[in-house]
Amino acid sequence: MKIEALVTRKTQDLVQFAAEDLLRESIAGLGRIERGELWAFILAGDDPLAIIHWLLDETTLIVNPNLHRYSLEEWVVAPTTGSRLWLRVSDRVDTAGASVLRGIRRRGVDAVSDVRRSVLWTLDLSDPDGKATERIGRELSGTGESLTAGVLANPHAQDVEIIVRTANGRG
């Protein structure tokens, strides 16, 4: 079974603020930008959710309760207006996921077979055109040539999944 946890900061995210400052100058209609860590777990067993809650609530391998909050809810939710862009940015060599998996194993839990960490960028745009939003996603992930090309991902070391949803149901 695959379970994903979106981990966000309770305090200010300076990386998010820096990206937002740059992008607000160059992307018309940018409403909201958020950044979080998306942790994907592959696990087996009788109660996989109990294992994930133990991992996130009782250890500090991923979540520091003073700095982070997490959600196990579906994160791909269409916006009520305009369009929403998600960039799931994953390192090709996932040392963070491998490190967490070793930590889980050291605690005697064998039900988790794989852990992957990605950074999830969420951008809300006022334009309901899904194709235009997808072009922005490609640009921000490194395939363009403008000032913002690759600002949210390094195309030489990271893979990017682009997901677009629009309020009108297209995309």
C-alpha atoms as a PDB file:
ATOM      1  CA  MET A   1       0.000   0.000   0.000  1.00  0.00           C
ATOM      2  CA  LYS A   2       1.190   3.529  -0.778  1.00  0.00           C
ATOM      3  CA  ILE A   3       0.542   6.325   1.706  1.00  0.00           C
ATOM      4  CA  GLU A   4       1.647   9.922   1.202  1.00  0.00           C
ATOM      5  CA  ALA A   5       2.155  12.525   3.925  1.00  0.00           C
ATOM      6  CA  LEU A   6       2.430  16.217   3.129  1.00  0.00           C
ATOM      7  CA  VAL A   7       4.674  17.895   5.701  1.00  0.00           C
ATOM      8  CA  THR A   8       4.639  21.699   5.934  1.00  0.00           C
ATOM      9  CA  ARG A   9       6.266  24.222   8.219  1.00  0.00           C
ATOM     10  CA  LYS A  10       4.414  25.883  11.085  1.00  0.00           C
ATOM     11  CA  THR A  11       6.906  28.753  10.948  1.00  0.00           C
ATOM     12  CA  GLN A  12       7.983  30.945   8.047  1.00  0.00           C
ATOM     13  CA  ASP A  13       9.473  29.112   5.086  1.00  0.00           C
ATOM     14  CA  LEU A  14      12.214  31.391   3.792  1.00  0.00           C
ATOM     15  CA  VAL A  15      12.740  29.313   0.631  1.00  0.00           C
ATOM     16  CA  GLN A  16       9.056  29.673  -0.189  1.00  0.00           C
ATOM     17  CA  PHE A  17       9.177  33.421   0.441  1.00  0.00           C
ATOM     18  CA  ALA A  18      12.213  33.882  -1.805  1.00  0.00           C
ATOM     19  CA  ALA A  19      10.561  31.938  -4.624  1.00  0.00           C
ATOM     20  CA  GLU A  20       7.338  33.877  -4.166  1.00  0.00           C
ATOM     21  CA  ASP A  21       9.142  37.220  -4.379  1.00  0.00           C
ATOM     22  CA  LEU A  22      10.777  36.227  -7.660  1.00  0.00           C
ATOM     23  CA  LEU A  23       7.678  34.661  -9.195  1.00  0.00           C
ATOM     24  CA  ARG A  24       5.265  37.475  -8.309  1.00  0.00           C
ATOM     25  CA  GLU A  25       7.346  39.797 -10.493  1.00  0.00           C
ATOM     26  CA  SER A  26       7.160  37.533 -13.539  1.00  0.00           C
ATOM     27  CA  ILE A  27       3.919  35.495 -13.378  1.00  0.00           C
ATOM     28  CA  ALA A  28       0.732  37.485 -13.846  1.00  0.00           C
ATOM     29  CA  GLY A  29      -2.174  36.312 -11.732  1.00  0.00           C
ATOM     30  CA  LEU A  30      -0.153  34.318  -9.206  1.00  0.00           C
ATOM     31  CA  GLY A  31      -2.388  34.047  -6.161  1.00  0.00           C
ATOM     32  CA  ARG A  32      -0.770  31.617  -3.770  1.00  0.00           C
ATOM     33  CA  ILE A  33       2.439  29.665  -3.614  1.00  0.00           C
ATOM     34  CA  GLU A  34       3.178  26.986  -1.017  1.00  0.00           C
ATOM     35  CA  ARG A  35       5.978  24.509  -0.476  1.00  0.00           C
ATOM     36  CA  GLY A  36       6.003  21.287   1.475  1.00  0.00           C
ATOM     37  CA  GLU A  37       7.725  17.944   1.647  1.00  0.00           C
ATOM     38  CA  LEU A  38       5.761  15.037   0.241  1.00  0.00           C
ATOM     39  CA  TRP A  39       6.796  11.725   1.780  1.00  0.00           C
ATOM     40  CA  ALA A  40       5.640   8.557   0.034  1.00  0.00           C
ATOM     41  CA  PHE A  41       5.718   5.245   1.893  1.00  0.00           C
ATOM     42  CA  ILE A  42       5.261   1.758   0.506  1.00  0.00           C
ATOM     43  CA  LEU A  43       4.235  -0.582   3.276  1.00  0.00           C
ATOM     44  CA  ALA A  44       2.437  -3.796   4.080  1.00  0.00           C
ATOM     45  CA  GLY A  45       0.877  -5.174   7.204  1.00  0.00           C
ATOM     46  CA  ASP A  46      -2.425  -5.291   9.000  1.00  0.00           C
ATOM     47  CA  ASP A  47      -2.635  -1.602   9.929  1.00  0.00           C
ATOM     48  CA  PRO A  48      -0.429   0.554   7.664  1.00  0.00           C
ATOM     49  CA  LEU A  49      -2.043   3.806   8.848  1.00  0.00           C
ATOM     50  CA  ALA A  50      -1.080   3.013  12.447  1.00  0.00           C
ATOM     51  CA  ILE A  51       2.530   2.558  11.338  1.00  0.00           C
ATOM     52  CA  ILE A  52       2.507   5.911   9.498  1.00  0.00           C
ATOM     53  CA  HIS A  53       0.937   7.704  12.469  1.00  0.00           C
ATOM     54  CA  TRP A  54       3.563   6.166  14.767  1.00  0.00           C
ATOM     55  CA  LEU A  55       6.337   7.243  12.395  1.00  0.00           C
ATOM     56  CA  LEU A  56       5.063  10.827  12.080  1.00  0.00           C
ATOM     57  CA  ASP A  57       3.792  11.335  15.651  1.00  0.00           C
ATOM     58  CA  GLU A  58       6.223   9.349  17.790  1.00  0.00           C
ATOM     59  CA  THR A  59       9.562   9.738  16.012  1.00  0.00           C
ATOM     60  CA  THR A  60      11.366  12.807  14.717  1.00  0.00           C
ATOM     61  CA  LEU A  61      12.623  11.097  11.570  1.00  0.00           C
ATOM     62  CA  ILE A  62      10.392  13.342   9.439  1.00  0.00           C
ATOM     63  CA  VAL A  63       8.220  15.602  11.601  1.00  0.00           C
ATOM     64  CA  ASN A  64       9.559  17.861  14.326  1.00  0.00           C
ATOM     65  CA  PRO A  65       6.366  18.825  16.187  1.00  0.00           C
ATOM     66  CA  ASN A  66       7.802  22.245  17.032  1.00  0.00           C
ATOM     67  CA  LEU A  67       8.382  23.081  13.356  1.00  0.00           C
ATOM     68  CA  HIS A  68       6.077  20.936  11.237  1.00  0.00           C
ATOM     69  CA  ARG A  69       2.523  19.793  10.689  1.00  0.00           C
ATOM     70  CA  TYR A  70       1.427  16.989   8.410  1.00  0.00           C
ATOM     71  CA  SER A  71      -1.607  15.792   6.531  1.00  0.00           C
ATOM     72  CA  LEU A  72      -2.459  12.398   5.082  1.00  0.00           C
ATOM     73  CA  GLU A  73      -5.335  13.817   3.052  1.00  0.00           C
ATOM     74  CA  GLU A  74      -5.446  13.903  -0.737  1.00  0.00           C
ATOM     75  CA  TRP A  75      -3.434  16.888  -1.920  1.00  0.00           C
ATOM     76  CA  VAL A  76      -4.558  17.039  -5.576  1.00  0.00           C
ATOM     77  CA  VAL A  77      -7.726  19.111  -5.138  1.00  0.00           C
ATOM     78  CA  ALA A  78      -9.072  21.292  -7.938  1.00  0.00           C
ATOM     79  CA  PRO A  79      -9.308  25.028  -7.205  1.00  0.00           C
ATOM     80  CA  THR A  80     -12.628  26.837  -6.966  1.00  0.00           C
ATOM     81  CA  THR A  81     -11.426  29.486  -9.450  1.00  0.00           C
ATOM     82  CA  GLY A  82      -8.595  29.748 -11.961  1.00  0.00           C
ATOM     83  CA  SER A  83      -6.075  26.925 -12.077  1.00  0.00           C
ATOM     84  CA  ARG A  84      -3.756  25.127  -9.697  1.00  0.00           C
ATOM     85  CA  LEU A  85      -0.277  23.860 -10.534  1.00  0.00           C
ATOM     86  CA  TRP A  86       1.658  21.279  -8.547  1.00  0.00           C
ATOM     87  CA  LEU A  87       5.312  20.596  -9.165  1.00  0.00           C
ATOM     88  CA  ARG A  88       6.485  17.418  -7.477  1.00  0.00           C
ATOM     89  CA  VAL A  89      10.270  17.735  -7.450  1.00  0.00           C
ATOM     90  CA  SER A  90      12.248  14.588  -6.603  1.00  0.00           C
ATOM     91  CA  ASP A  91      15.995  14.165  -6.327  1.00  0.00           C
ATOM     92  CA  ARG A  92      17.220  11.435  -8.646  1.00  0.00           C
ATOM     93  CA  VAL A  93      19.301  10.112  -5.758  1.00  0.00           C
ATOM     94  CA  ASP A  94      16.962  10.224  -2.775  1.00  0.00           C
ATOM     95  CA  THR A  95      19.333  10.197   0.193  1.00  0.00           C
ATOM     96  CA  ALA A  96      16.664  11.597   2.557  1.00  0.00           C
ATOM     97  CA  GLY A  97      14.231   8.779   1.814  1.00  0.00           C
ATOM     98  CA  ALA A  98      16.970   6.158   2.178  1.00  0.00           C
ATOM     99  CA  SER A  99      18.060   7.666   5.492  1.00  0.00           C
ATOM    100  CA  VAL A 100      14.518   7.627   6.889  1.00  0.00           C
ATOM    101  CA  LEU A 101      14.058   4.028   5.761  1.00  0.00           C
ATOM    102  CA  ARG A 102      17.247   3.043   7.624  1.00  0.00           C
ATOM    103  CA  GLY A 103      15.932   4.849  10.725  1.00  0.00           C
ATOM    104  CA  ILE A 104      12.636   2.977  10.499  1.00  0.00           C
ATOM    105  CA  ARG A 105      14.452  -0.344  10.181  1.00  0.00           C
ATOM    106  CA  ARG A 106      16.680   0.480  13.176  1.00  0.00           C
ATOM    107  CA  ARG A 107      13.478   0.862  15.193  1.00  0.00           C
ATOM    108  CA  GLY A 108      12.491  -2.696  14.274  1.00  0.00           C
ATOM    109  CA  VAL A 109       9.746  -1.896  11.752  1.00  0.00           C
ATOM    110  CA  ASP A 110       9.920  -4.130   8.677  1.00  0.00           C
ATOM    111  CA  ALA A 111       6.486  -3.300   7.212  1.00  0.00           C
ATOM    112  CA  VAL A 112       7.859  -0.234   5.363  1.00  0.00           C
ATOM    113  CA  SER A 113       9.631  -1.307   2.178  1.00  0.00           C
ATOM    114  CA  ASP A 114      10.328   2.080   0.568  1.00  0.00           C
ATOM    115  CA  VAL A 115      10.376   5.776   1.471  1.00  0.00           C
ATOM    116  CA  ARG A 116      10.625   8.623  -1.053  1.00  0.00           C
ATOM    117  CA  ARG A 117      10.874  12.351  -0.398  1.00  0.00           C
ATOM    118  CA  SER A 118       9.814  15.045  -2.826  1.00  0.00           C
ATOM    119  CA  VAL A 119       9.282  18.770  -2.566  1.00  0.00           C
ATOM    120  CA  LEU A 120       5.761  19.772  -3.536  1.00  0.00           C
ATOM    121  CA  TRP A 121       5.227  23.279  -4.868  1.00  0.00           C
ATOM    122  CA  THR A 122       1.598  24.443  -5.150  1.00  0.00           C
ATOM    123  CA  LEU A 123       0.752  27.544  -7.176  1.00  0.00           C
ATOM    124  CA  ASP A 124      -2.698  29.028  -7.632  1.00  0.00           C
ATOM    125  CA  LEU A 125      -3.209  31.138 -10.736  1.00  0.00           C
ATOM    126  CA  SER A 126      -6.155  33.328 -11.714  1.00  0.00           C
ATOM    127  CA  ASP A 127      -6.023  32.121 -15.349  1.00  0.00           C
ATOM    128  CA  PRO A 128      -8.310  29.092 -15.857  1.00  0.00           C
ATOM    129  CA  ASP A 129      -6.344  27.990 -18.965  1.00  0.00           C
ATOM    130  CA  GLY A 130      -4.816  24.614 -18.089  1.00  0.00           C
ATOM    131  CA  LYS A 131      -2.442  24.668 -21.093  1.00  0.00           C
ATOM    132  CA  ALA A 132      -1.021  28.056 -20.051  1.00  0.00           C
ATOM    133  CA  THR A 133      -0.620  26.784 -16.486  1.00  0.00           C
ATOM    134  CA  GLU A 134       1.207  23.697 -17.753  1.00  0.00           C
ATOM    135  CA  ARG A 135       3.578  25.917 -19.782  1.00  0.00           C
ATOM    136  CA  ILE A 136       4.347  27.861 -16.585  1.00  0.00           C
ATOM    137  CA  GLY A 137       5.052  24.554 -14.835  1.00  0.00           C
ATOM    138  CA  ARG A 138       7.490  23.478 -17.536  1.00  0.00           C
ATOM    139  CA  GLU A 139       9.225  26.848 -17.349  1.00  0.00           C
ATOM    140  CA  LEU A 140       9.562  26.774 -13.556  1.00  0.00           C
ATOM    141  CA  SER A 141      10.870  23.212 -13.639  1.00  0.00           C
ATOM    142  CA  GLY A 142      13.741  24.043 -15.939  1.00  0.00           C
ATOM    143  CA  THR A 143      12.671  23.559 -19.537  1.00  0.00           C
ATOM    144  CA  GLY A 144      12.368  27.260 -20.417  1.00  0.00           C
ATOM    145  CA  GLU A 145      14.849  30.016 -21.104  1.00  0.00           C
ATOM    146  CA  SER A 146      13.509  32.977 -19.114  1.00  0.00           C
ATOM    147  CA  LEU A 147      14.595  34.385 -15.763  1.00  0.00           C
ATOM    148  CA  THR A 148      12.341  31.927 -13.928  1.00  0.00           C
ATOM    149  CA  ALA A 149      13.525  28.818 -15.829  1.00  0.00           C
ATOM    150  CA  GLY A 150      14.364  26.171 -13.285  1.00  0.00           C
ATOM    151  CA  VAL A 151      13.723  28.359 -10.248  1.00  0.00           C
ATOM    152  CA  LEU A 152      11.776  25.564  -8.507  1.00  0.00           C
ATOM    153  CA  ALA A 153      13.766  22.558  -9.759  1.00  0.00           C
ATOM    154  CA  ASN A 154      17.194  21.635 -11.057  1.00  0.00           C
ATOM    155  CA  PRO A 155      16.635  19.701 -14.297  1.00  0.00           C
ATOM    156  CA  HIS A 156      20.154  18.245 -14.086  1.00  0.00           C
ATOM    157  CA  ALA A 157      19.626  16.470 -10.757  1.00  0.00           C
ATOM    158  CA  GLN A 158      15.884  16.323 -10.201  1.00  0.00           C
ATOM    159  CA  ASP A 159      12.804  14.846 -11.820  1.00  0.00           C
ATOM    160  CA  VAL A 160       9.598  16.864 -11.939  1.00  0.00           C
ATOM    161  CA  GLU A 161       6.009  15.740 -12.191  1.00  0.00           C
ATOM    162  CA  ILE A 162       3.679  18.518 -13.367  1.00  0.00           C
ATOM    163  CA  ILE A 163       0.023  18.300 -12.322  1.00  0.00           C
ATOM    164  CA  VAL A 164      -2.577  20.866 -13.381  1.00  0.00           C
ATOM    165  CA  ARG A 165      -6.201  21.168 -12.333  1.00  0.00           C
ATOM    166  CA  THR A 166      -8.617  23.900 -13.313  1.00  0.00           C
ATOM    167  CA  ALA A 167     -11.825  25.125 -11.724  1.00  0.00           C
ATOM    168  CA  ASN A 168     -13.732  24.324 -14.914  1.00  0.00           C
ATOM    169  CA  GLY A 169     -12.695  20.667 -14.689  1.00  0.00           C
ATOM    170  CA  ARG A 170     -10.219  20.651 -17.554  1.00  0.00           C
ATOM    171  CA  GLY A 171      -6.564  19.895 -17.012  1.00  0.00           C
END
